[in-house]
Amino acid sequence: MLSIGHAAPQLRHTLHGRRRASIAPAFTPRVIACPSRLVDARTRFPPRGGGRLGRDGGGHRSAAQPSNGDAIGGGEAAEVSLELLRERLMVLETNIDDLSPQVIAYAMEELLAAGGLDVWAVPVLMKKGRPATSLQVLCEPNLVDAMIRIILTETSSLGVRVCEVERVSLAREMHEVSTPWGRPVRVKVAHLGGAVANAHPEYEDCAQVARAEGVPLKQVFRAALDAYYALHPLD
């Protein structure tokens, strides 16, 4: 067996480098943060043009030899518009193990009414095996203080975790369609790459028609979708 002491200098350096890396911390506090940023709605693929680097026999990059990734792609830089919206938002969360579900439901309604973009509750298991509810809300950065005040006022929480996130979503628009009952329904349409990726009638509109006309909700949903695709057959 070849010992490290008799190995080539390059091998000794590599082995010692691995030993040093193995005792390094698995992460730093900065890794725990949730970085995000606002960018435009166009998704760009990195260019694969000139100036590509390969690797010579010694493991160094050379300008003459392309890498495997460059060889697969090649060609000019490609730019594809996927109509994606990127937003910098905030997620607030707290664990609650001593409150009635009815009160949590009320707090969720208050968070939505105050401008929360989305609110959800997830069952979790805390330390010592205590079942609890993780209450979470997605909101704009300027509403963080208002959301925290509602959580601390309406629940038994003593603190709130705050994390900055990036939300990537499809571009959307509203279309109003007529239904067989003479009542309009809005349809939310999402686009991806110039084509319709999803079309979904608004629940509140459909529920209002169903209650007013005494028909099943699913029937109103189906009629609204049929009306939309009748107007947009190529979508």
C-alpha atoms as a PDB file:
ATOM      1  CA  MET A   1       0.000   0.000   0.000  1.00  0.00           C
ATOM      2  CA  LEU A   2       1.356   3.436  -0.895  1.00  0.00           C
ATOM      3  CA  SER A   3       1.564   5.757   2.084  1.00  0.00           C
ATOM      4  CA  ILE A   4       0.876   9.466   1.909  1.00  0.00           C
ATOM      5  CA  GLY A   5       4.479  10.162   2.768  1.00  0.00           C
ATOM      6  CA  HIS A   6       5.707   8.385  -0.392  1.00  0.00           C
ATOM      7  CA  ALA A   7       2.941   9.665  -2.673  1.00  0.00           C
ATOM      8  CA  ALA A   8       3.587  12.261  -5.320  1.00  0.00           C
ATOM      9  CA  PRO A   9       3.397  15.876  -4.094  1.00  0.00           C
ATOM     10  CA  GLN A  10       0.227  16.488  -6.114  1.00  0.00           C
ATOM     11  CA  LEU A  11      -1.468  13.421  -4.561  1.00  0.00           C
ATOM     12  CA  ARG A  12      -0.407  14.410  -1.040  1.00  0.00           C
ATOM     13  CA  HIS A  13      -1.835  17.857  -1.627  1.00  0.00           C
ATOM     14  CA  THR A  14      -5.113  16.372  -2.867  1.00  0.00           C
ATOM     15  CA  LEU A  15      -5.467  13.982   0.057  1.00  0.00           C
ATOM     16  CA  HIS A  16      -4.660  16.605   2.636  1.00  0.00           C
ATOM     17  CA  GLY A  17      -7.066  18.954   0.906  1.00  0.00           C
ATOM     18  CA  ARG A  18      -9.831  16.357   1.232  1.00  0.00           C
ATOM     19  CA  ARG A  19      -8.971  15.796   4.878  1.00  0.00           C
ATOM     20  CA  ARG A  20      -9.240  19.490   5.579  1.00  0.00           C
ATOM     21  CA  ALA A  21     -12.516  19.694   3.688  1.00  0.00           C
ATOM     22  CA  SER A  22     -14.002  16.787   5.660  1.00  0.00           C
ATOM     23  CA  ILE A  23     -13.705  18.607   8.985  1.00  0.00           C
ATOM     24  CA  ALA A  24     -15.120  21.883   7.690  1.00  0.00           C
ATOM     25  CA  PRO A  25     -18.617  22.888   8.889  1.00  0.00           C
ATOM     26  CA  ALA A  26     -21.461  21.517   6.807  1.00  0.00           C
ATOM     27  CA  PHE A  27     -22.946  24.999   6.434  1.00  0.00           C
ATOM     28  CA  THR A  28     -22.569  28.564   7.588  1.00  0.00           C
ATOM     29  CA  PRO A  29     -25.339  30.740   9.050  1.00  0.00           C
ATOM     30  CA  ARG A  30     -25.570  32.604   5.765  1.00  0.00           C
ATOM     31  CA  VAL A  31     -26.716  29.455   3.987  1.00  0.00           C
ATOM     32  CA  ILE A  32     -29.830  29.282   6.149  1.00  0.00           C
ATOM     33  CA  ALA A  33     -31.164  32.579   4.787  1.00  0.00           C
ATOM     34  CA  CYS A  34     -33.766  32.522   2.008  1.00  0.00           C
ATOM     35  CA  PRO A  35     -32.307  34.750  -0.730  1.00  0.00           C
ATOM     36  CA  SER A  36     -34.526  36.087  -3.469  1.00  0.00           C
ATOM     37  CA  ARG A  37     -34.600  38.925  -5.926  1.00  0.00           C
ATOM     38  CA  LEU A  38     -36.786  40.667  -8.436  1.00  0.00           C
ATOM     39  CA  VAL A  39     -35.900  39.940 -12.048  1.00  0.00           C
ATOM     40  CA  ASP A  40     -37.675  40.502 -15.313  1.00  0.00           C
ATOM     41  CA  ALA A  41     -40.181  38.081 -16.747  1.00  0.00           C
ATOM     42  CA  ARG A  42     -37.876  36.667 -19.414  1.00  0.00           C
ATOM     43  CA  THR A  43     -35.992  33.450 -18.711  1.00  0.00           C
ATOM     44  CA  ARG A  44     -32.598  33.322 -20.414  1.00  0.00           C
ATOM     45  CA  PHE A  45     -30.391  30.333 -21.052  1.00  0.00           C
ATOM     46  CA  PRO A  46     -26.637  30.970 -20.690  1.00  0.00           C
ATOM     47  CA  PRO A  47     -24.748  31.536 -23.950  1.00  0.00           C
ATOM     48  CA  ARG A  48     -22.728  28.704 -25.407  1.00  0.00           C
ATOM     49  CA  GLY A  49     -20.704  30.790 -27.849  1.00  0.00           C
ATOM     50  CA  GLY A  50     -17.031  31.725 -28.100  1.00  0.00           C
ATOM     51  CA  GLY A  51     -14.529  31.800 -25.295  1.00  0.00           C
ATOM     52  CA  ARG A  52     -15.429  28.319 -24.111  1.00  0.00           C
ATOM     53  CA  LEU A  53     -13.023  26.575 -21.813  1.00  0.00           C
ATOM     54  CA  GLY A  54     -11.903  22.954 -21.800  1.00  0.00           C
ATOM     55  CA  ARG A  55      -9.455  21.075 -19.561  1.00  0.00           C
ATOM     56  CA  ASP A  56      -5.945  20.023 -20.487  1.00  0.00           C
ATOM     57  CA  GLY A  57      -4.192  16.934 -19.191  1.00  0.00           C
ATOM     58  CA  GLY A  58      -3.187  18.643 -15.943  1.00  0.00           C
ATOM     59  CA  GLY A  59      -6.737  19.514 -15.004  1.00  0.00           C
ATOM     60  CA  HIS A  60      -6.485  23.157 -16.131  1.00  0.00           C
ATOM     61  CA  ARG A  61      -9.048  24.877 -18.323  1.00  0.00           C
ATOM     62  CA  SER A  62      -7.895  25.662 -21.870  1.00  0.00           C
ATOM     63  CA  ALA A  63      -9.610  27.914 -24.376  1.00  0.00           C
ATOM     64  CA  ALA A  64      -9.114  25.497 -27.266  1.00  0.00           C
ATOM     65  CA  GLN A  65     -10.927  22.471 -25.858  1.00  0.00           C
ATOM     66  CA  PRO A  66     -14.714  22.668 -25.243  1.00  0.00           C
ATOM     67  CA  SER A  67     -16.237  21.117 -22.164  1.00  0.00           C
ATOM     68  CA  ASN A  68     -18.788  18.294 -22.355  1.00  0.00           C
ATOM     69  CA  GLY A  69     -21.646  20.692 -21.707  1.00  0.00           C
ATOM     70  CA  ASP A  70     -20.513  22.969 -24.539  1.00  0.00           C
ATOM     71  CA  ALA A  71     -20.147  20.054 -26.927  1.00  0.00           C
ATOM     72  CA  ILE A  72     -23.723  18.940 -26.275  1.00  0.00           C
ATOM     73  CA  GLY A  73     -25.248  22.384 -26.715  1.00  0.00           C
ATOM     74  CA  GLY A  74     -23.067  24.449 -29.034  1.00  0.00           C
ATOM     75  CA  GLY A  75     -24.443  27.071 -31.379  1.00  0.00           C
ATOM     76  CA  GLU A  76     -25.634  30.579 -30.632  1.00  0.00           C
ATOM     77  CA  ALA A  77     -27.078  31.869 -27.363  1.00  0.00           C
ATOM     78  CA  ALA A  78     -30.718  30.854 -26.951  1.00  0.00           C
ATOM     79  CA  GLU A  79     -33.340  33.095 -25.377  1.00  0.00           C
ATOM     80  CA  VAL A  80     -36.797  31.752 -24.598  1.00  0.00           C
ATOM     81  CA  SER A  81     -39.623  33.841 -23.170  1.00  0.00           C
ATOM     82  CA  LEU A  82     -41.664  31.684 -20.786  1.00  0.00           C
ATOM     83  CA  GLU A  83     -43.785  34.607 -19.504  1.00  0.00           C
ATOM     84  CA  LEU A  84     -42.772  33.838 -15.921  1.00  0.00           C
ATOM     85  CA  LEU A  85     -43.362  36.391 -13.177  1.00  0.00           C
ATOM     86  CA  ARG A  86     -40.772  36.558 -10.405  1.00  0.00           C
ATOM     87  CA  GLU A  87     -41.669  38.369  -7.194  1.00  0.00           C
ATOM     88  CA  ARG A  88     -39.871  38.991  -3.928  1.00  0.00           C
ATOM     89  CA  LEU A  89     -42.310  38.021  -1.163  1.00  0.00           C
ATOM     90  CA  MET A  90     -42.252  37.097   2.513  1.00  0.00           C
ATOM     91  CA  VAL A  91     -43.373  33.965   4.353  1.00  0.00           C
ATOM     92  CA  LEU A  92     -44.335  34.238   8.028  1.00  0.00           C
ATOM     93  CA  GLU A  93     -44.843  31.129  10.124  1.00  0.00           C
ATOM     94  CA  THR A  94     -45.490  30.112  13.701  1.00  0.00           C
ATOM     95  CA  ASN A  95     -46.241  26.840  15.501  1.00  0.00           C
ATOM     96  CA  ILE A  96     -49.314  26.742  17.754  1.00  0.00           C
ATOM     97  CA  ASP A  97     -50.085  23.835  20.098  1.00  0.00           C
ATOM     98  CA  ASP A  98     -52.560  25.318  22.588  1.00  0.00           C
ATOM     99  CA  LEU A  99     -55.324  26.958  20.563  1.00  0.00           C
ATOM    100  CA  SER A 100     -58.738  25.908  19.246  1.00  0.00           C
ATOM    101  CA  PRO A 101     -58.822  25.183  15.500  1.00  0.00           C
ATOM    102  CA  GLN A 102     -61.769  27.569  15.270  1.00  0.00           C
ATOM    103  CA  VAL A 103     -59.584  30.441  16.448  1.00  0.00           C
ATOM    104  CA  ILE A 104     -56.850  29.489  13.993  1.00  0.00           C
ATOM    105  CA  ALA A 105     -59.406  29.463  11.176  1.00  0.00           C
ATOM    106  CA  TYR A 106     -60.547  32.943  12.216  1.00  0.00           C
ATOM    107  CA  ALA A 107     -56.943  34.185  12.232  1.00  0.00           C
ATOM    108  CA  MET A 108     -56.480  32.829   8.708  1.00  0.00           C
ATOM    109  CA  GLU A 109     -59.528  34.780   7.533  1.00  0.00           C
ATOM    110  CA  GLU A 110     -58.187  37.947   9.140  1.00  0.00           C
ATOM    111  CA  LEU A 111     -54.786  37.501   7.485  1.00  0.00           C
ATOM    112  CA  LEU A 112     -56.400  37.150   4.063  1.00  0.00           C
ATOM    113  CA  ALA A 113     -58.665  40.143   4.663  1.00  0.00           C
ATOM    114  CA  ALA A 114     -55.618  42.251   5.622  1.00  0.00           C
ATOM    115  CA  GLY A 115     -53.902  41.571   2.303  1.00  0.00           C
ATOM    116  CA  GLY A 116     -52.243  38.186   2.693  1.00  0.00           C
ATOM    117  CA  LEU A 117     -51.667  36.564  -0.696  1.00  0.00           C
ATOM    118  CA  ASP A 118     -52.118  33.053   0.687  1.00  0.00           C
ATOM    119  CA  VAL A 119     -52.593  31.487   4.118  1.00  0.00           C
ATOM    120  CA  TRP A 120     -52.314  27.826   5.080  1.00  0.00           C
ATOM    121  CA  ALA A 121     -52.141  25.624   8.164  1.00  0.00           C
ATOM    122  CA  VAL A 122     -50.142  22.404   8.376  1.00  0.00           C
ATOM    123  CA  PRO A 123     -50.311  19.764  11.153  1.00  0.00           C
ATOM    124  CA  VAL A 124     -46.871  19.253  12.730  1.00  0.00           C
ATOM    125  CA  LEU A 125     -45.356  17.315  15.619  1.00  0.00           C
ATOM    126  CA  MET A 126     -43.331  19.429  18.031  1.00  0.00           C
ATOM    127  CA  LYS A 127     -40.823  18.447  20.703  1.00  0.00           C
ATOM    128  CA  LYS A 128     -41.975  15.992  23.369  1.00  0.00           C
ATOM    129  CA  GLY A 129     -44.463  14.592  20.852  1.00  0.00           C
ATOM    130  CA  ARG A 130     -46.900  17.497  21.059  1.00  0.00           C
ATOM    131  CA  PRO A 131     -49.231  17.833  18.041  1.00  0.00           C
ATOM    132  CA  ALA A 132     -49.470  21.396  16.779  1.00  0.00           C
ATOM    133  CA  THR A 133     -50.442  23.545  13.814  1.00  0.00           C
ATOM    134  CA  SER A 134     -47.950  25.476  11.697  1.00  0.00           C
ATOM    135  CA  LEU A 135     -49.721  28.668  10.618  1.00  0.00           C
ATOM    136  CA  GLN A 136     -48.100  30.288   7.570  1.00  0.00           C
ATOM    137  CA  VAL A 137     -48.878  33.326   5.452  1.00  0.00           C
ATOM    138  CA  LEU A 138     -47.449  34.645   2.182  1.00  0.00           C
ATOM    139  CA  CYS A 139     -47.486  38.428   1.820  1.00  0.00           C
ATOM    140  CA  GLU A 140     -45.881  41.490   0.271  1.00  0.00           C
ATOM    141  CA  PRO A 141     -42.814  42.849   2.145  1.00  0.00           C
ATOM    142  CA  ASN A 142     -44.651  46.035   3.152  1.00  0.00           C
ATOM    143  CA  LEU A 143     -47.336  44.008   4.974  1.00  0.00           C
ATOM    144  CA  VAL A 144     -45.020  42.024   7.254  1.00  0.00           C
ATOM    145  CA  ASP A 145     -45.658  44.148  10.348  1.00  0.00           C
ATOM    146  CA  ALA A 146     -49.431  44.049   9.833  1.00  0.00           C
ATOM    147  CA  MET A 147     -49.393  40.262   9.410  1.00  0.00           C
ATOM    148  CA  ILE A 148     -47.258  39.776  12.522  1.00  0.00           C
ATOM    149  CA  ARG A 149     -49.616  41.957  14.558  1.00  0.00           C
ATOM    150  CA  ILE A 150     -52.613  39.837  13.520  1.00  0.00           C
ATOM    151  CA  ILE A 151     -50.814  36.577  14.339  1.00  0.00           C
ATOM    152  CA  LEU A 152     -49.691  37.757  17.764  1.00  0.00           C
ATOM    153  CA  THR A 153     -53.073  39.330  18.530  1.00  0.00           C
ATOM    154  CA  GLU A 154     -55.416  36.613  17.290  1.00  0.00           C
ATOM    155  CA  THR A 155     -53.431  33.508  18.308  1.00  0.00           C
ATOM    156  CA  SER A 156     -51.472  32.291  21.317  1.00  0.00           C
ATOM    157  CA  SER A 157     -48.160  32.571  19.441  1.00  0.00           C
ATOM    158  CA  LEU A 158     -45.229  34.242  21.201  1.00  0.00           C
ATOM    159  CA  GLY A 159     -43.112  34.725  18.085  1.00  0.00           C
ATOM    160  CA  VAL A 160     -43.089  34.598  14.302  1.00  0.00           C
ATOM    161  CA  ARG A 161     -40.406  33.381  11.892  1.00  0.00           C
ATOM    162  CA  VAL A 162     -39.912  35.581   8.811  1.00  0.00           C
ATOM    163  CA  CYS A 163     -38.294  34.390   5.581  1.00  0.00           C
ATOM    164  CA  GLU A 164     -37.796  36.170   2.268  1.00  0.00           C
ATOM    165  CA  VAL A 165     -38.719  34.025  -0.740  1.00  0.00           C
ATOM    166  CA  GLU A 166     -38.997  34.288  -4.495  1.00  0.00           C
ATOM    167  CA  ARG A 167     -42.262  33.261  -6.125  1.00  0.00           C
ATOM    168  CA  VAL A 168     -42.195  32.198  -9.767  1.00  0.00           C
ATOM    169  CA  SER A 169     -45.615  32.110 -11.400  1.00  0.00           C
ATOM    170  CA  LEU A 170     -47.288  32.129 -14.783  1.00  0.00           C
ATOM    171  CA  ALA A 171     -48.590  35.321 -16.328  1.00  0.00           C
ATOM    172  CA  ARG A 172     -52.356  35.460 -15.839  1.00  0.00           C
ATOM    173  CA  GLU A 173     -55.344  37.368 -17.142  1.00  0.00           C
ATOM    174  CA  MET A 174     -59.092  37.376 -16.549  1.00  0.00           C
ATOM    175  CA  HIS A 175     -61.740  36.610 -19.179  1.00  0.00           C
ATOM    176  CA  GLU A 176     -65.464  37.041 -18.539  1.00  0.00           C
ATOM    177  CA  VAL A 177     -67.779  34.521 -20.179  1.00  0.00           C
ATOM    178  CA  SER A 178     -71.547  34.079 -20.309  1.00  0.00           C
ATOM    179  CA  THR A 179     -73.267  31.026 -18.859  1.00  0.00           C
ATOM    180  CA  PRO A 180     -76.570  29.323 -19.761  1.00  0.00           C
ATOM    181  CA  TRP A 181     -78.166  30.974 -16.715  1.00  0.00           C
ATOM    182  CA  GLY A 182     -77.496  34.484 -17.988  1.00  0.00           C
ATOM    183  CA  ARG A 183     -74.921  35.232 -15.290  1.00  0.00           C
ATOM    184  CA  PRO A 184     -71.281  36.033 -16.155  1.00  0.00           C
ATOM    185  CA  VAL A 185     -68.361  34.094 -14.722  1.00  0.00           C
ATOM    186  CA  ARG A 186     -64.708  35.144 -14.749  1.00  0.00           C
ATOM    187  CA  VAL A 187     -62.133  32.639 -15.982  1.00  0.00           C
ATOM    188  CA  LYS A 188     -58.497  32.969 -14.926  1.00  0.00           C
ATOM    189  CA  VAL A 189     -56.170  32.068 -17.815  1.00  0.00           C
ATOM    190  CA  ALA A 190     -52.442  31.382 -17.414  1.00  0.00           C
ATOM    191  CA  HIS A 191     -49.965  31.410 -20.304  1.00  0.00           C
ATOM    192  CA  LEU A 192     -46.669  29.595 -20.763  1.00  0.00           C
ATOM    193  CA  GLY A 193     -44.506  30.091 -23.831  1.00  0.00           C
ATOM    194  CA  GLY A 194     -47.308  31.805 -25.747  1.00  0.00           C
ATOM    195  CA  ALA A 195     -49.870  29.033 -25.171  1.00  0.00           C
ATOM    196  CA  VAL A 196     -52.605  28.581 -22.593  1.00  0.00           C
ATOM    197  CA  ALA A 197     -51.259  26.458 -19.746  1.00  0.00           C
ATOM    198  CA  ASN A 198     -54.364  26.540 -17.578  1.00  0.00           C
ATOM    199  CA  ALA A 199     -57.857  28.007 -17.522  1.00  0.00           C
ATOM    200  CA  HIS A 200     -59.936  27.909 -14.371  1.00  0.00           C
ATOM    201  CA  PRO A 201     -63.263  29.580 -13.536  1.00  0.00           C
ATOM    202  CA  GLU A 202     -63.310  31.758 -10.422  1.00  0.00           C
ATOM    203  CA  TYR A 203     -64.829  29.866  -7.506  1.00  0.00           C
ATOM    204  CA  GLU A 204     -66.761  32.794  -6.022  1.00  0.00           C
ATOM    205  CA  ASP A 205     -68.447  33.567  -9.344  1.00  0.00           C
ATOM    206  CA  CYS A 206     -69.409  29.940  -9.895  1.00  0.00           C
ATOM    207  CA  ALA A 207     -70.651  29.512  -6.325  1.00  0.00           C
ATOM    208  CA  GLN A 208     -72.845  32.594  -6.667  1.00  0.00           C
ATOM    209  CA  VAL A 209     -74.424  31.248  -9.859  1.00  0.00           C
ATOM    210  CA  ALA A 210     -74.911  27.772  -8.357  1.00  0.00           C
ATOM    211  CA  ARG A 211     -76.685  29.120  -5.276  1.00  0.00           C
ATOM    212  CA  ALA A 212     -78.822  31.588  -7.222  1.00  0.00           C
ATOM    213  CA  GLU A 213     -79.917  29.043  -9.841  1.00  0.00           C
ATOM    214  CA  GLY A 214     -80.065  25.948  -7.622  1.00  0.00           C
ATOM    215  CA  VAL A 215     -77.677  23.918  -9.780  1.00  0.00           C
ATOM    216  CA  PRO A 216     -74.600  21.864  -8.825  1.00  0.00           C
ATOM    217  CA  LEU A 217     -71.356  23.837  -8.576  1.00  0.00           C
ATOM    218  CA  LYS A 218     -69.500  21.414 -10.864  1.00  0.00           C
ATOM    219  CA  GLN A 219     -72.078  22.061 -13.578  1.00  0.00           C
ATOM    220  CA  VAL A 220     -71.356  25.797 -13.457  1.00  0.00           C
ATOM    221  CA  PHE A 221     -67.604  25.127 -13.601  1.00  0.00           C
ATOM    222  CA  ARG A 222     -68.046  22.967 -16.685  1.00  0.00           C
ATOM    223  CA  ALA A 223     -70.323  25.490 -18.417  1.00  0.00           C
ATOM    224  CA  ALA A 224     -67.860  28.329 -17.804  1.00  0.00           C
ATOM    225  CA  LEU A 225     -64.964  26.337 -19.250  1.00  0.00           C
ATOM    226  CA  ASP A 226     -67.031  25.315 -22.270  1.00  0.00           C
ATOM    227  CA  ALA A 227     -67.929  28.967 -22.859  1.00  0.00           C
ATOM    228  CA  TYR A 228     -64.283  30.047 -22.662  1.00  0.00           C
ATOM    229  CA  TYR A 229     -62.978  27.410 -25.076  1.00  0.00           C
ATOM    230  CA  ALA A 230     -65.843  28.150 -27.455  1.00  0.00           C
ATOM    231  CA  LEU A 231     -64.498  31.712 -27.694  1.00  0.00           C
ATOM    232  CA  HIS A 232     -60.846  30.627 -27.839  1.00  0.00           C
ATOM    233  CA  PRO A 233     -60.783  27.351 -29.798  1.00  0.00           C
ATOM    234  CA  LEU A 234     -57.115  27.674 -30.754  1.00  0.00           C
ATOM    235  CA  ASP A 235     -55.966  28.097 -27.134  1.00  0.00           C
END
